[in-house]
Amino acid sequence: MASEKRERQRANRELRRAERAREERKRQAIAIIKRYATFALVFGAILVAFTVLFGK
Protein backbone atom coordinates (compact mmCIF):
# COMPACT_ATOMS: atom_id res chain seq x y z
CA MET A 1 0.00 0.00 0.00
CA ALA A 2 1.39 3.39 -0.94
CA SER A 3 1.89 5.92 1.77
CA GLU A 4 -0.13 9.11 1.98
CA LYS A 5 2.92 11.14 0.90
CA ARG A 6 3.43 8.99 -2.20
CA GLU A 7 -0.24 9.32 -3.10
CA ARG A 8 -0.03 13.12 -2.83
CA GLN A 9 3.14 13.13 -4.94
CA ARG A 10 1.48 10.96 -7.58
CA ALA A 11 -1.60 13.20 -7.64
CA ASN A 12 0.52 16.35 -7.93
CA ARG A 13 2.57 14.77 -10.71
CA GLU A 14 -0.62 13.98 -12.62
CA LEU A 15 -1.85 17.55 -12.14
CA ARG A 16 1.41 18.95 -13.50
CA ARG A 17 1.31 16.56 -16.45
CA ALA A 18 -2.27 17.59 -17.25
CA GLU A 19 -1.34 21.28 -17.00
CA ARG A 20 1.59 20.81 -19.39
CA ALA A 21 -0.67 18.99 -21.86
CA ARG A 22 -3.24 21.80 -21.65
CA GLU A 23 -0.55 24.43 -22.25
CA GLU A 24 0.81 22.47 -25.22
CA ARG A 25 -2.65 22.25 -26.82
CA LYS A 26 -3.12 25.99 -26.30
CA ARG A 27 0.30 26.73 -27.83
CA GLN A 28 -0.52 24.58 -30.87
CA ALA A 29 -3.91 26.25 -31.30
CA ILE A 30 -2.31 29.70 -31.20
CA ALA A 31 0.29 28.60 -33.77
CA ILE A 32 -2.47 27.37 -36.11
CA ILE A 33 -4.40 30.62 -35.71
CA LYS A 34 -1.27 32.65 -36.48
CA ARG A 35 -0.58 30.55 -39.58
CA TYR A 36 -4.09 31.03 -40.97
CA ALA A 37 -4.12 34.73 -40.08
CA THR A 38 -0.83 35.22 -41.93
CA PHE A 39 -2.22 33.38 -44.95
CA ALA A 40 -5.36 35.53 -44.88
CA LEU A 41 -3.33 38.76 -44.67
CA VAL A 42 -1.08 37.74 -47.57
CA PHE A 43 -4.08 36.70 -49.65
CA GLY A 44 -5.82 39.99 -48.83
CA ALA A 45 -2.73 42.01 -49.74
CA ILE A 46 -2.43 40.20 -53.07
CA LEU A 47 -6.12 40.77 -53.75
CA VAL A 48 -5.80 44.49 -53.01
CA ALA A 49 -2.64 44.74 -55.13
CA PHE A 50 -4.35 43.14 -58.12
CA THR A 51 -7.40 45.36 -57.67
CA VAL A 52 -5.26 48.51 -57.56
CA LEU A 53 -3.01 47.50 -60.44
CA PHE A 54 -5.50 45.90 -62.81
CA GLY A 55 -8.94 47.03 -61.63
CA LYS A 56 -10.92 49.69 -63.36
C-alpha atoms as a PDB file:
ATOM      1  CA  MET A   1       0.000   0.000   0.000  1.00  0.00           C
ATOM      2  CA  ALA A   2       1.385   3.386  -0.941  1.00  0.00           C
ATOM      3  CA  SER A   3       1.889   5.923   1.773  1.00  0.00           C
ATOM      4  CA  GLU A   4      -0.133   9.113   1.979  1.00  0.00           C
ATOM      5  CA  LYS A   5       2.916  11.139   0.904  1.00  0.00           C
ATOM      6  CA  ARG A   6       3.429   8.992  -2.203  1.00  0.00           C
ATOM      7  CA  GLU A   7      -0.245   9.320  -3.100  1.00  0.00           C
ATOM      8  CA  ARG A   8      -0.026  13.120  -2.834  1.00  0.00           C
ATOM      9  CA  GLN A   9       3.137  13.127  -4.941  1.00  0.00           C
ATOM     10  CA  ARG A  10       1.481  10.956  -7.583  1.00  0.00           C
ATOM     11  CA  ALA A  11      -1.597  13.196  -7.636  1.00  0.00           C
ATOM     12  CA  ASN A  12       0.521  16.354  -7.930  1.00  0.00           C
ATOM     13  CA  ARG A  13       2.575  14.766 -10.706  1.00  0.00           C
ATOM     14  CA  GLU A  14      -0.621  13.981 -12.620  1.00  0.00           C
ATOM     15  CA  LEU A  15      -1.853  17.549 -12.137  1.00  0.00           C
ATOM     16  CA  ARG A  16       1.410  18.953 -13.498  1.00  0.00           C
ATOM     17  CA  ARG A  17       1.307  16.557 -16.449  1.00  0.00           C
ATOM     18  CA  ALA A  18      -2.267  17.592 -17.250  1.00  0.00           C
ATOM     19  CA  GLU A  19      -1.335  21.282 -16.996  1.00  0.00           C
ATOM     20  CA  ARG A  20       1.591  20.807 -19.390  1.00  0.00           C
ATOM     21  CA  ALA A  21      -0.667  18.994 -21.857  1.00  0.00           C
ATOM     22  CA  ARG A  22      -3.242  21.800 -21.649  1.00  0.00           C
ATOM     23  CA  GLU A  23      -0.550  24.433 -22.251  1.00  0.00           C
ATOM     24  CA  GLU A  24       0.813  22.474 -25.218  1.00  0.00           C
ATOM     25  CA  ARG A  25      -2.655  22.251 -26.822  1.00  0.00           C
ATOM     26  CA  LYS A  26      -3.123  25.995 -26.299  1.00  0.00           C
ATOM     27  CA  ARG A  27       0.299  26.726 -27.828  1.00  0.00           C
ATOM     28  CA  GLN A  28      -0.520  24.576 -30.865  1.00  0.00           C
ATOM     29  CA  ALA A  29      -3.911  26.250 -31.299  1.00  0.00           C
ATOM     30  CA  ILE A  30      -2.311  29.700 -31.200  1.00  0.00           C
ATOM     31  CA  ALA A  31       0.286  28.600 -33.773  1.00  0.00           C
ATOM     32  CA  ILE A  32      -2.471  27.370 -36.111  1.00  0.00           C
ATOM     33  CA  ILE A  33      -4.403  30.618 -35.711  1.00  0.00           C
ATOM     34  CA  LYS A  34      -1.272  32.647 -36.481  1.00  0.00           C
ATOM     35  CA  ARG A  35      -0.584  30.549 -39.578  1.00  0.00           C
ATOM     36  CA  TYR A  36      -4.095  31.029 -40.974  1.00  0.00           C
ATOM     37  CA  ALA A  37      -4.118  34.733 -40.076  1.00  0.00           C
ATOM     38  CA  THR A  38      -0.829  35.217 -41.926  1.00  0.00           C
ATOM     39  CA  PHE A  39      -2.217  33.381 -44.946  1.00  0.00           C
ATOM     40  CA  ALA A  40      -5.362  35.527 -44.883  1.00  0.00           C
ATOM     41  CA  LEU A  41      -3.332  38.758 -44.669  1.00  0.00           C
ATOM     42  CA  VAL A  42      -1.076  37.738 -47.565  1.00  0.00           C
ATOM     43  CA  PHE A  43      -4.076  36.697 -49.650  1.00  0.00           C
ATOM     44  CA  GLY A  44      -5.820  39.987 -48.834  1.00  0.00           C
ATOM     45  CA  ALA A  45      -2.733  42.012 -49.739  1.00  0.00           C
ATOM     46  CA  ILE A  46      -2.435  40.196 -53.074  1.00  0.00           C
ATOM     47  CA  LEU A  47      -6.117  40.768 -53.751  1.00  0.00           C
ATOM     48  CA  VAL A  48      -5.795  44.493 -53.006  1.00  0.00           C
ATOM     49  CA  ALA A  49      -2.637  44.743 -55.126  1.00  0.00           C
ATOM     50  CA  PHE A  50      -4.346  43.141 -58.123  1.00  0.00           C
ATOM     51  CA  THR A  51      -7.395  45.363 -57.674  1.00  0.00           C
ATOM     52  CA  VAL A  52      -5.256  48.508 -57.560  1.00  0.00           C
ATOM     53  CA  LEU A  53      -3.005  47.505 -60.441  1.00  0.00           C
ATOM     54  CA  PHE A  54      -5.503  45.897 -62.814  1.00  0.00           C
ATOM     55  CA  GLY A  55      -8.939  47.032 -61.634  1.00  0.00           C
ATOM     56  CA  LYS A  56     -10.925  49.685 -63.363  1.00  0.00           C
END
